[in-house]
Amino acid sequence: MLKNFQLILRELSIIYDNIPELEISGVYNEETEAAVKEFQKLSGLSPTGKVNLQTWNRLVRDFSNYAR
C-alpha cells in the first residue's frame, strides 16, 4: 500500500514543482515525509507530514484529475 502511495506522490511531483521526486521504497522515510509536507502546503493543508484522511482524500482527488 505504501508503494502505491509513494507512486502517486511521485506522479504528482511531475505537475507540482515543490514535491520532490520520490524513490519508491515502501518505507515511510524522511524523503516521503518531506514530499507529504510539500503536498500539504500546496493543497492548503496543515503541513504535518502525516497522512490523515483529509490529506489522503486530496491526494487521491488530485491524482484522479491528473490521470484523466
Protein backbone atom coordinates (compact mmCIF):
# COMPACT_ATOMS: atom_id res chain seq x y z
CA MET A 1 0.00 0.00 0.00
CA LEU A 2 2.81 2.42 0.86
CA LYS A 3 4.45 1.84 -2.51
CA ASN A 4 1.20 2.85 -4.21
CA PHE A 5 1.07 5.98 -2.07
CA GLN A 6 4.66 6.85 -2.97
CA LEU A 7 3.92 6.23 -6.63
CA ILE A 8 1.00 8.68 -6.51
CA LEU A 9 3.22 11.29 -4.85
CA ARG A 10 5.92 10.75 -7.45
CA GLU A 11 3.42 11.16 -10.28
CA LEU A 12 2.12 14.39 -8.72
CA SER A 13 5.70 15.68 -8.48
CA ILE A 14 5.53 16.00 -12.28
CA ILE A 15 2.87 18.71 -12.04
CA TYR A 16 3.83 20.21 -8.65
CA ASP A 17 7.38 21.51 -8.78
CA ASN A 18 7.76 21.68 -4.99
CA ILE A 19 7.11 17.98 -4.43
CA PRO A 20 10.41 16.12 -4.69
CA GLU A 21 10.55 13.02 -6.86
CA LEU A 22 10.49 10.00 -4.58
CA GLU A 23 12.22 6.68 -4.67
CA ILE A 24 9.55 4.00 -4.40
CA SER A 25 10.88 2.15 -1.37
CA GLY A 26 7.80 1.04 0.53
CA VAL A 27 9.23 2.75 3.63
CA TYR A 28 7.76 5.91 5.14
CA ASN A 29 11.10 7.69 5.49
CA GLU A 30 12.21 11.33 5.72
CA GLU A 31 12.01 11.72 1.95
CA THR A 32 8.38 10.57 1.93
CA GLU A 33 7.51 12.80 4.87
CA ALA A 34 9.07 15.82 3.13
CA ALA A 35 7.05 15.12 -0.03
CA VAL A 36 3.86 14.82 2.03
CA LYS A 37 4.59 18.14 3.74
CA GLU A 38 5.10 19.87 0.39
CA PHE A 39 1.90 18.37 -0.98
CA GLN A 40 0.03 19.52 2.12
CA LYS A 41 1.41 23.07 1.78
CA LEU A 42 0.41 23.22 -1.89
CA SER A 43 -3.05 21.92 -1.02
CA GLY A 44 -3.68 24.43 1.76
CA LEU A 45 -3.49 21.75 4.43
CA SER A 46 -1.51 21.86 7.66
CA PRO A 47 1.99 20.56 6.76
CA THR A 48 2.33 17.82 9.37
CA GLY A 49 3.93 15.20 7.16
CA LYS A 50 1.34 12.72 8.40
CA VAL A 51 -1.23 11.27 6.05
CA ASN A 52 -4.61 11.79 7.64
CA LEU A 53 -7.94 11.30 5.90
CA GLN A 54 -8.03 14.88 4.60
CA THR A 55 -4.56 14.54 3.07
CA TRP A 56 -5.36 11.15 1.56
CA ASN A 57 -8.61 12.40 0.02
CA ARG A 58 -6.89 15.45 -1.51
CA LEU A 59 -4.06 13.28 -2.83
CA VAL A 60 -6.48 10.85 -4.49
CA ARG A 61 -8.55 13.71 -5.93
CA ASP A 62 -5.52 15.46 -7.40
CA PHE A 63 -4.15 12.22 -8.81
CA SER A 64 -7.53 11.35 -10.35
CA ASN A 65 -7.65 14.77 -12.03
CA TYR A 66 -4.06 14.37 -13.24
CA ALA A 67 -4.64 10.85 -14.60
CA ARG A 68 -7.52 11.92 -16.85
